[in-house]
Amino acid sequence: MGAISTPPIKTDAKATELLTLSHDIMSASIYTEKSVQPDDKMLTHDLADTKVYLDKIAAFIEREYGDFKPEWKFYNKKSGWILKMFTKKRNVLFIVPCPHYFRVAFTLGDKAADLVFNSDLPESIKKGLSEAKKYIEGRTIQTQVNTQGDLDNVLKLIQLKLIY
């Protein structure tokens, strides 16, 4: 899997609700113009050197779990365009494009959260998860991706989330 394509826009009430509920922790996307859906060329330019990490996340999900589907969503002007990644119709994570980096948001249920707390992930991730407000869907945390170490943490979070 090389580049992230631009699939058709769909609405997802549950995701919109989750983003609304967790908006205080969601960063705003750099893409705020509803009429301009982001594409691979825009991501390559705007994410700069971190674009390779986004592609590695997509390739990892596809390789390890199959049936990978990215989907761009425009929730509102404040949050902008956010890339949602699925596998087998299951929401894996949200990508929030930022200038020269991106943020990854995960919603983890209780079992996955327990795995994170008992993992070797950095204390900052565990602290963020323990402080996150708990909703029916779980707790939503975000982490910034700038380095290979950040990517390694995201891949570990994907594995822990998708165990259940």
N, C-alpha and C. Protein backbone atom coordinates (compact mmCIF):
# COMPACT_ATOMS: atom_id res chain seq x y z
N MET A 1 0.86 -1.18 0.00
CA MET A 1 0.00 0.00 0.00
C MET A 1 0.88 1.21 0.00
N GLY A 2 0.79 2.01 -1.01
CA GLY A 2 1.62 3.19 -1.10
C GLY A 2 0.94 4.41 -0.53
N ALA A 3 0.03 4.94 -1.26
CA ALA A 3 -0.57 6.23 -0.90
C ALA A 3 -1.99 6.06 -0.40
N ILE A 4 -2.43 7.04 0.34
CA ILE A 4 -3.81 7.08 0.83
C ILE A 4 -4.67 7.66 -0.29
N SER A 5 -5.68 6.91 -0.71
CA SER A 5 -6.57 7.42 -1.76
C SER A 5 -7.69 8.24 -1.14
N THR A 6 -8.50 8.80 -1.98
CA THR A 6 -9.61 9.61 -1.48
C THR A 6 -10.93 8.92 -1.80
N PRO A 7 -11.40 8.07 -0.87
CA PRO A 7 -12.67 7.39 -1.07
C PRO A 7 -13.84 8.35 -0.96
N PRO A 8 -15.03 7.90 -1.36
CA PRO A 8 -16.19 8.78 -1.29
C PRO A 8 -16.52 9.19 0.15
N ILE A 9 -17.11 10.35 0.26
CA ILE A 9 -17.51 10.88 1.56
C ILE A 9 -18.76 10.15 2.03
N LYS A 10 -18.75 9.72 3.29
CA LYS A 10 -19.91 9.08 3.90
C LYS A 10 -20.17 9.76 5.23
N THR A 11 -21.37 9.61 5.74
CA THR A 11 -21.66 10.16 7.05
C THR A 11 -21.69 9.02 8.05
N ASP A 12 -21.30 9.31 9.26
CA ASP A 12 -21.22 8.31 10.31
C ASP A 12 -21.63 9.00 11.61
N ALA A 13 -22.85 8.82 12.01
CA ALA A 13 -23.39 9.51 13.17
C ALA A 13 -22.62 9.18 14.44
N LYS A 14 -22.24 7.92 14.60
CA LYS A 14 -21.51 7.52 15.81
C LYS A 14 -20.16 8.22 15.88
N ALA A 15 -19.45 8.29 14.76
CA ALA A 15 -18.15 8.96 14.73
C ALA A 15 -18.32 10.45 14.98
N THR A 16 -19.33 11.05 14.40
CA THR A 16 -19.58 12.47 14.61
C THR A 16 -19.85 12.73 16.08
N GLU A 17 -20.64 11.87 16.70
CA GLU A 17 -20.94 12.02 18.12
C GLU A 17 -19.67 11.88 18.94
N LEU A 18 -18.84 10.89 18.61
CA LEU A 18 -17.61 10.68 19.35
C LEU A 18 -16.69 11.88 19.22
N LEU A 19 -16.57 12.42 18.01
CA LEU A 19 -15.73 13.59 17.83
C LEU A 19 -16.29 14.79 18.58
N THR A 20 -17.60 14.91 18.62
CA THR A 20 -18.21 16.01 19.35
C THR A 20 -17.95 15.84 20.84
N LEU A 21 -18.12 14.61 21.33
CA LEU A 21 -17.92 14.35 22.75
C LEU A 21 -16.47 14.60 23.16
N SER A 22 -15.55 14.25 22.29
CA SER A 22 -14.14 14.36 22.65
C SER A 22 -13.47 15.56 21.99
N HIS A 23 -14.28 16.52 21.53
CA HIS A 23 -13.72 17.64 20.79
C HIS A 23 -12.67 18.41 21.58
N ASP A 24 -12.82 18.47 22.89
CA ASP A 24 -11.84 19.22 23.67
C ASP A 24 -10.45 18.62 23.57
N ILE A 25 -10.34 17.33 23.20
CA ILE A 25 -9.01 16.76 23.03
C ILE A 25 -8.65 16.58 21.56
N MET A 26 -9.59 16.78 20.67
CA MET A 26 -9.31 16.61 19.24
C MET A 26 -8.67 17.88 18.69
N SER A 27 -7.55 17.71 18.03
CA SER A 27 -6.92 18.85 17.35
C SER A 27 -7.70 19.15 16.09
N ALA A 28 -7.64 20.37 15.67
CA ALA A 28 -8.27 20.74 14.41
C ALA A 28 -7.35 20.35 13.26
N SER A 29 -7.94 19.85 12.22
CA SER A 29 -7.21 19.51 11.01
C SER A 29 -6.77 20.78 10.30
N ILE A 30 -5.69 20.70 9.55
CA ILE A 30 -5.27 21.85 8.74
C ILE A 30 -6.19 22.02 7.54
N TYR A 31 -7.00 21.00 7.26
CA TYR A 31 -7.92 21.05 6.12
C TYR A 31 -9.31 21.41 6.60
N THR A 32 -9.66 22.67 6.47
CA THR A 32 -10.93 23.15 7.02
C THR A 32 -11.93 23.59 5.95
N GLU A 33 -11.55 23.49 4.70
CA GLU A 33 -12.45 23.88 3.61
C GLU A 33 -13.28 22.67 3.18
N LYS A 34 -14.56 22.69 3.50
CA LYS A 34 -15.44 21.55 3.23
C LYS A 34 -15.44 21.13 1.76
N SER A 35 -15.33 22.08 0.86
CA SER A 35 -15.43 21.77 -0.57
C SER A 35 -14.14 21.16 -1.15
N VAL A 36 -13.08 21.08 -0.35
CA VAL A 36 -11.81 20.55 -0.84
C VAL A 36 -11.40 19.34 0.01
N GLN A 37 -11.75 18.15 -0.48
CA GLN A 37 -11.37 16.93 0.23
C GLN A 37 -9.87 16.69 0.04
N PRO A 38 -9.14 16.44 1.11
CA PRO A 38 -7.70 16.21 1.00
C PRO A 38 -7.38 15.02 0.09
N ASP A 39 -6.22 15.10 -0.56
CA ASP A 39 -5.78 13.99 -1.39
C ASP A 39 -4.31 13.70 -1.08
N ASP A 40 -3.75 12.70 -1.74
CA ASP A 40 -2.39 12.27 -1.46
C ASP A 40 -1.37 13.37 -1.73
N LYS A 41 -1.60 14.15 -2.78
CA LYS A 41 -0.67 15.24 -3.11
C LYS A 41 -0.64 16.29 -1.99
N MET A 42 -1.81 16.63 -1.48
CA MET A 42 -1.89 17.59 -0.38
C MET A 42 -1.19 17.05 0.86
N LEU A 43 -1.46 15.77 1.18
CA LEU A 43 -0.83 15.16 2.35
C LEU A 43 0.69 15.13 2.21
N THR A 44 1.18 14.76 1.04
CA THR A 44 2.62 14.71 0.81
C THR A 44 3.25 16.08 1.06
N HIS A 45 2.61 17.12 0.56
CA HIS A 45 3.13 18.47 0.75
C HIS A 45 3.02 18.92 2.20
N ASP A 46 1.84 18.77 2.79
CA ASP A 46 1.58 19.35 4.11
C ASP A 46 2.16 18.55 5.28
N LEU A 47 2.22 17.24 5.14
CA LEU A 47 2.80 16.43 6.22
C LEU A 47 4.31 16.33 6.10
N ALA A 48 4.83 16.67 4.93
CA ALA A 48 6.27 16.68 4.67
C ALA A 48 6.89 15.32 5.02
N ASP A 49 7.94 15.33 5.81
CA ASP A 49 8.67 14.09 6.12
C ASP A 49 7.84 13.07 6.90
N THR A 50 6.77 13.50 7.55
CA THR A 50 5.97 12.55 8.33
C THR A 50 4.95 11.79 7.49
N LYS A 51 4.78 12.16 6.22
CA LYS A 51 3.84 11.46 5.35
C LYS A 51 4.18 9.97 5.26
N VAL A 52 5.46 9.64 5.27
CA VAL A 52 5.88 8.24 5.20
C VAL A 52 5.32 7.45 6.38
N TYR A 53 5.19 8.06 7.55
CA TYR A 53 4.64 7.37 8.72
C TYR A 53 3.15 7.09 8.53
N LEU A 54 2.44 8.02 7.92
CA LEU A 54 1.03 7.80 7.62
C LEU A 54 0.86 6.60 6.68
N ASP A 55 1.69 6.56 5.65
CA ASP A 55 1.64 5.44 4.71
C ASP A 55 1.99 4.12 5.39
N LYS A 56 2.93 4.16 6.33
CA LYS A 56 3.31 2.93 7.05
C LYS A 56 2.17 2.44 7.95
N ILE A 57 1.43 3.36 8.54
CA ILE A 57 0.27 2.97 9.36
C ILE A 57 -0.76 2.27 8.49
N ALA A 58 -1.07 2.86 7.34
CA ALA A 58 -2.05 2.27 6.43
C ALA A 58 -1.58 0.89 5.96
N ALA A 59 -0.31 0.78 5.59
CA ALA A 59 0.23 -0.50 5.11
C ALA A 59 0.21 -1.55 6.22
N PHE A 60 0.50 -1.14 7.44
CA PHE A 60 0.50 -2.06 8.58
C PHE A 60 -0.91 -2.62 8.82
N ILE A 61 -1.90 -1.75 8.84
CA ILE A 61 -3.28 -2.20 9.06
C ILE A 61 -3.69 -3.17 7.96
N GLU A 62 -3.40 -2.81 6.72
CA GLU A 62 -3.78 -3.67 5.60
C GLU A 62 -3.06 -5.02 5.66
N ARG A 63 -1.77 -5.00 5.93
CA ARG A 63 -0.98 -6.23 5.96
C ARG A 63 -1.38 -7.14 7.12
N GLU A 64 -1.55 -6.56 8.30
CA GLU A 64 -1.80 -7.37 9.50
C GLU A 64 -3.26 -7.76 9.70
N TYR A 65 -4.19 -6.93 9.22
CA TYR A 65 -5.61 -7.15 9.53
C TYR A 65 -6.50 -7.28 8.30
N GLY A 66 -6.02 -6.84 7.15
CA GLY A 66 -6.78 -6.97 5.91
C GLY A 66 -7.96 -6.04 5.82
N ASP A 67 -8.56 -6.03 4.64
CA ASP A 67 -9.76 -5.25 4.36
C ASP A 67 -9.65 -3.81 4.85
N PHE A 68 -8.51 -3.18 4.54
CA PHE A 68 -8.24 -1.81 4.96
C PHE A 68 -9.05 -0.83 4.13
N LYS A 69 -9.68 0.14 4.82
CA LYS A 69 -10.45 1.17 4.13
C LYS A 69 -10.20 2.52 4.82
N PRO A 70 -9.61 3.46 4.09
CA PRO A 70 -9.53 4.82 4.61
C PRO A 70 -10.76 5.61 4.17
N GLU A 71 -11.19 6.54 4.98
CA GLU A 71 -12.37 7.33 4.63
C GLU A 71 -12.21 8.74 5.20
N TRP A 72 -12.24 9.73 4.32
CA TRP A 72 -12.18 11.12 4.76
C TRP A 72 -13.55 11.57 5.23
N LYS A 73 -13.57 12.28 6.34
CA LYS A 73 -14.82 12.82 6.90
C LYS A 73 -14.64 14.31 7.19
N PHE A 74 -15.64 15.08 6.84
CA PHE A 74 -15.67 16.49 7.24
C PHE A 74 -16.76 16.59 8.29
N TYR A 75 -16.36 16.83 9.52
CA TYR A 75 -17.33 16.87 10.62
C TYR A 75 -17.93 18.25 10.80
N ASN A 76 -17.08 19.25 10.83
CA ASN A 76 -17.53 20.63 10.92
C ASN A 76 -16.33 21.54 10.65
N LYS A 77 -16.59 22.84 10.57
CA LYS A 77 -15.53 23.80 10.24
C LYS A 77 -14.44 23.81 11.32
N LYS A 78 -14.82 23.59 12.55
CA LYS A 78 -13.85 23.65 13.65
C LYS A 78 -12.87 22.47 13.63
N SER A 79 -13.37 21.26 13.36
CA SER A 79 -12.47 20.09 13.34
C SER A 79 -11.90 19.83 11.96
N GLY A 80 -12.61 20.22 10.90
CA GLY A 80 -12.12 20.05 9.54
C GLY A 80 -12.15 18.59 9.07
N TRP A 81 -11.35 18.31 8.02
CA TRP A 81 -11.27 16.97 7.44
C TRP A 81 -10.41 16.07 8.31
N ILE A 82 -10.92 14.89 8.61
CA ILE A 82 -10.22 13.90 9.41
C ILE A 82 -10.29 12.57 8.66
N LEU A 83 -9.17 11.87 8.63
CA LEU A 83 -9.10 10.58 7.95
C LEU A 83 -9.38 9.47 8.95
N LYS A 84 -10.40 8.69 8.65
CA LYS A 84 -10.77 7.57 9.51
C LYS A 84 -10.28 6.30 8.83
N MET A 85 -9.63 5.42 9.59
CA MET A 85 -9.13 4.17 9.04
C MET A 85 -9.89 3.00 9.64
N PHE A 86 -10.36 2.12 8.76
CA PHE A 86 -11.14 0.95 9.13
C PHE A 86 -10.42 -0.32 8.70
N THR A 87 -10.75 -1.42 9.36
CA THR A 87 -10.44 -2.74 8.87
C THR A 87 -11.66 -3.60 9.15
N LYS A 88 -12.12 -4.30 8.14
CA LYS A 88 -13.29 -5.16 8.27
C LYS A 88 -14.45 -4.42 8.94
N LYS A 89 -14.71 -3.21 8.49
CA LYS A 89 -15.79 -2.35 8.99
C LYS A 89 -15.59 -1.90 10.44
N ARG A 90 -14.44 -2.16 11.02
CA ARG A 90 -14.16 -1.75 12.39
C ARG A 90 -13.30 -0.49 12.37
N ASN A 91 -13.71 0.50 13.13
CA ASN A 91 -12.95 1.72 13.25
C ASN A 91 -11.64 1.43 13.99
N VAL A 92 -10.53 1.77 13.38
CA VAL A 92 -9.23 1.56 14.02
C VAL A 92 -8.76 2.86 14.67
N LEU A 93 -8.75 3.95 13.89
CA LEU A 93 -8.22 5.21 14.40
C LEU A 93 -8.64 6.36 13.50
N PHE A 94 -8.37 7.57 13.99
CA PHE A 94 -8.59 8.80 13.24
C PHE A 94 -7.24 9.47 13.04
N ILE A 95 -7.03 10.05 11.86
CA ILE A 95 -5.82 10.81 11.57
C ILE A 95 -6.22 12.27 11.43
N VAL A 96 -5.55 13.13 12.19
CA VAL A 96 -5.80 14.57 12.14
C VAL A 96 -4.56 15.23 11.53
N PRO A 97 -4.63 15.63 10.26
CA PRO A 97 -3.48 16.27 9.62
C PRO A 97 -3.17 17.63 10.25
N CYS A 98 -1.89 17.86 10.52
CA CYS A 98 -1.40 19.11 11.09
C CYS A 98 -0.21 19.56 10.23
N PRO A 99 0.28 20.77 10.40
CA PRO A 99 1.40 21.21 9.56
C PRO A 99 2.69 20.44 9.89
N HIS A 100 3.16 19.64 8.97
CA HIS A 100 4.41 18.87 9.07
C HIS A 100 4.36 17.71 10.06
N TYR A 101 3.19 17.32 10.49
CA TYR A 101 3.00 16.15 11.34
C TYR A 101 1.53 15.80 11.32
N PHE A 102 1.18 14.76 12.04
CA PHE A 102 -0.24 14.44 12.20
C PHE A 102 -0.45 13.85 13.58
N ARG A 103 -1.71 13.87 13.98
CA ARG A 103 -2.09 13.29 15.26
C ARG A 103 -2.95 12.07 14.97
N VAL A 104 -2.86 11.09 15.85
CA VAL A 104 -3.66 9.88 15.73
C VAL A 104 -4.54 9.81 16.97
N ALA A 105 -5.84 9.61 16.76
CA ALA A 105 -6.78 9.48 17.87
C ALA A 105 -7.34 8.06 17.87
N PHE A 106 -7.33 7.46 19.05
CA PHE A 106 -7.84 6.11 19.26
C PHE A 106 -8.96 6.16 20.27
N THR A 107 -9.98 5.35 20.07
CA THR A 107 -10.97 5.13 21.11
C THR A 107 -10.80 3.68 21.54
N LEU A 108 -10.49 3.50 22.82
CA LEU A 108 -10.19 2.17 23.35
C LEU A 108 -11.24 1.76 24.37
N GLY A 109 -11.75 0.56 24.22
CA GLY A 109 -12.66 0.00 25.20
C GLY A 109 -11.88 -0.43 26.44
N ASP A 110 -12.59 -0.92 27.45
CA ASP A 110 -11.97 -1.28 28.73
C ASP A 110 -10.88 -2.34 28.58
N LYS A 111 -11.13 -3.37 27.80
CA LYS A 111 -10.14 -4.46 27.66
C LYS A 111 -8.88 -3.95 26.99
N ALA A 112 -9.03 -3.18 25.92
CA ALA A 112 -7.86 -2.64 25.23
C ALA A 112 -7.13 -1.63 26.13
N ALA A 113 -7.88 -0.83 26.87
CA ALA A 113 -7.26 0.13 27.79
C ALA A 113 -6.43 -0.60 28.84
N ASP A 114 -6.95 -1.70 29.38
CA ASP A 114 -6.19 -2.48 30.36
C ASP A 114 -4.89 -3.00 29.76
N LEU A 115 -4.94 -3.42 28.49
CA LEU A 115 -3.72 -3.88 27.82
C LEU A 115 -2.71 -2.74 27.70
N VAL A 116 -3.18 -1.54 27.40
CA VAL A 116 -2.29 -0.38 27.30
C VAL A 116 -1.65 -0.11 28.65
N PHE A 117 -2.45 -0.11 29.71
CA PHE A 117 -1.92 0.18 31.04
C PHE A 117 -0.85 -0.84 31.46
N ASN A 118 -0.96 -2.07 30.97
CA ASN A 118 -0.01 -3.13 31.33
C ASN A 118 1.07 -3.34 30.28
N SER A 119 1.19 -2.41 29.34
CA SER A 119 2.16 -2.54 28.25
C SER A 119 3.43 -1.75 28.57
N ASP A 120 4.36 -1.80 27.62
CA ASP A 120 5.59 -1.02 27.76
C ASP A 120 5.50 0.31 27.01
N LEU A 121 4.30 0.73 26.68
CA LEU A 121 4.12 2.04 26.05
C LEU A 121 4.54 3.14 27.02
N PRO A 122 4.91 4.31 26.50
CA PRO A 122 5.35 5.41 27.37
C PRO A 122 4.29 5.81 28.41
N GLU A 123 4.78 6.26 29.54
CA GLU A 123 3.89 6.69 30.62
C GLU A 123 2.98 7.84 30.18
N SER A 124 3.44 8.68 29.27
CA SER A 124 2.62 9.80 28.80
C SER A 124 1.34 9.29 28.12
N ILE A 125 1.44 8.20 27.38
CA ILE A 125 0.25 7.62 26.73
C ILE A 125 -0.67 7.02 27.79
N LYS A 126 -0.10 6.30 28.74
CA LYS A 126 -0.91 5.71 29.81
C LYS A 126 -1.60 6.78 30.65
N LYS A 127 -0.88 7.86 30.92
CA LYS A 127 -1.46 8.96 31.70
C LYS A 127 -2.61 9.60 30.93
N GLY A 128 -2.38 9.86 29.63
CA GLY A 128 -3.44 10.44 28.81
C GLY A 128 -4.67 9.57 28.78
N LEU A 129 -4.46 8.26 28.70
CA LEU A 129 -5.59 7.33 28.68
C LEU A 129 -6.30 7.31 30.03
N SER A 130 -5.55 7.30 31.11
CA SER A 130 -6.19 7.26 32.44
C SER A 130 -6.96 8.54 32.74
N GLU A 131 -6.54 9.66 32.16
CA GLU A 131 -7.21 10.94 32.39
C GLU A 131 -8.34 11.20 31.40
N ALA A 132 -8.43 10.39 30.35
CA ALA A 132 -9.47 10.61 29.34
C ALA A 132 -10.84 10.29 29.91
N LYS A 133 -11.82 11.09 29.54
CA LYS A 133 -13.19 10.86 29.98
C LYS A 133 -13.70 9.56 29.37
N LYS A 134 -14.40 8.79 30.14
CA LYS A 134 -14.89 7.50 29.69
C LYS A 134 -16.32 7.65 29.16
N TYR A 135 -16.53 7.14 27.93
CA TYR A 135 -17.83 7.13 27.30
C TYR A 135 -18.22 5.69 27.01
N ILE A 136 -19.41 5.48 26.51
CA ILE A 136 -19.88 4.14 26.18
C ILE A 136 -18.91 3.47 25.21
N GLU A 137 -18.41 4.23 24.22
CA GLU A 137 -17.50 3.68 23.21
C GLU A 137 -16.12 3.39 23.78
N GLY A 138 -15.79 4.02 24.90
CA GLY A 138 -14.46 3.87 25.51
C GLY A 138 -13.85 5.22 25.78
N ARG A 139 -12.55 5.22 25.89
CA ARG A 139 -11.79 6.44 26.14
C ARG A 139 -11.03 6.82 24.88
N THR A 140 -11.03 8.10 24.55
CA THR A 140 -10.33 8.56 23.37
C THR A 140 -9.04 9.26 23.77
N ILE A 141 -7.95 8.80 23.16
CA ILE A 141 -6.66 9.43 23.38
C ILE A 141 -6.07 9.84 22.04
N GLN A 142 -5.16 10.79 22.11
CA GLN A 142 -4.46 11.26 20.91
C GLN A 142 -2.97 11.23 21.15
N THR A 143 -2.23 10.96 20.09
CA THR A 143 -0.79 11.06 20.16
C THR A 143 -0.28 11.67 18.87
N GLN A 144 0.75 12.44 18.98
CA GLN A 144 1.35 13.12 17.83
C GLN A 144 2.35 12.19 17.16
N VAL A 145 2.45 12.26 15.84
CA VAL A 145 3.41 11.44 15.10
C VAL A 145 4.38 12.34 14.36
N ASN A 146 5.62 12.34 14.86
CA ASN A 146 6.72 13.11 14.27
C ASN A 146 7.94 12.26 13.98
N THR A 147 8.07 11.14 14.69
CA THR A 147 9.31 10.35 14.64
C THR A 147 8.99 8.86 14.47
N GLN A 148 10.03 8.08 14.23
CA GLN A 148 9.89 6.62 14.16
C GLN A 148 9.40 6.08 15.49
N GLY A 149 9.85 6.63 16.59
CA GLY A 149 9.38 6.19 17.91
C GLY A 149 7.89 6.42 18.08
N ASP A 150 7.39 7.57 17.61
CA ASP A 150 5.96 7.84 17.66
C ASP A 150 5.20 6.81 16.83
N LEU A 151 5.73 6.51 15.64
CA LEU A 151 5.10 5.51 14.78
C LEU A 151 5.06 4.16 15.48
N ASP A 152 6.15 3.77 16.11
CA ASP A 152 6.20 2.48 16.83
C ASP A 152 5.11 2.42 17.90
N ASN A 153 4.91 3.53 18.63
CA ASN A 153 3.85 3.58 19.65
C ASN A 153 2.47 3.41 19.03
N VAL A 154 2.24 4.05 17.89
CA VAL A 154 0.94 3.96 17.21
C VAL A 154 0.69 2.52 16.75
N LEU A 155 1.70 1.89 16.19
CA LEU A 155 1.54 0.50 15.73
C LEU A 155 1.23 -0.42 16.91
N LYS A 156 1.85 -0.18 18.04
CA LYS A 156 1.58 -0.97 19.25
C LYS A 156 0.14 -0.73 19.72
N LEU A 157 -0.31 0.53 19.69
CA LEU A 157 -1.69 0.84 20.09
C LEU A 157 -2.69 0.15 19.15
N ILE A 158 -2.38 0.11 17.87
CA ILE A 158 -3.26 -0.59 16.92
C ILE A 158 -3.36 -2.07 17.30
N GLN A 159 -2.21 -2.68 17.57
CA GLN A 159 -2.20 -4.10 17.94
C GLN A 159 -3.02 -4.35 19.20
N LEU A 160 -2.84 -3.51 20.20
CA LEU A 160 -3.58 -3.71 21.45
C LEU A 160 -5.07 -3.48 21.27
N LYS A 161 -5.43 -2.49 20.48
CA LYS A 161 -6.84 -2.21 20.23
C LYS A 161 -7.50 -3.38 19.49
N LEU A 162 -6.82 -3.94 18.51
CA LEU A 162 -7.44 -4.94 17.65
C LEU A 162 -7.32 -6.37 18.17
N ILE A 163 -6.75 -6.54 19.36
CA ILE A 163 -6.75 -7.88 19.97
C ILE A 163 -8.17 -8.31 20.25
N TYR A 164 -9.02 -7.35 20.66
CA TYR A 164 -10.42 -7.67 20.99
C TYR A 164 -11.35 -7.26 19.88
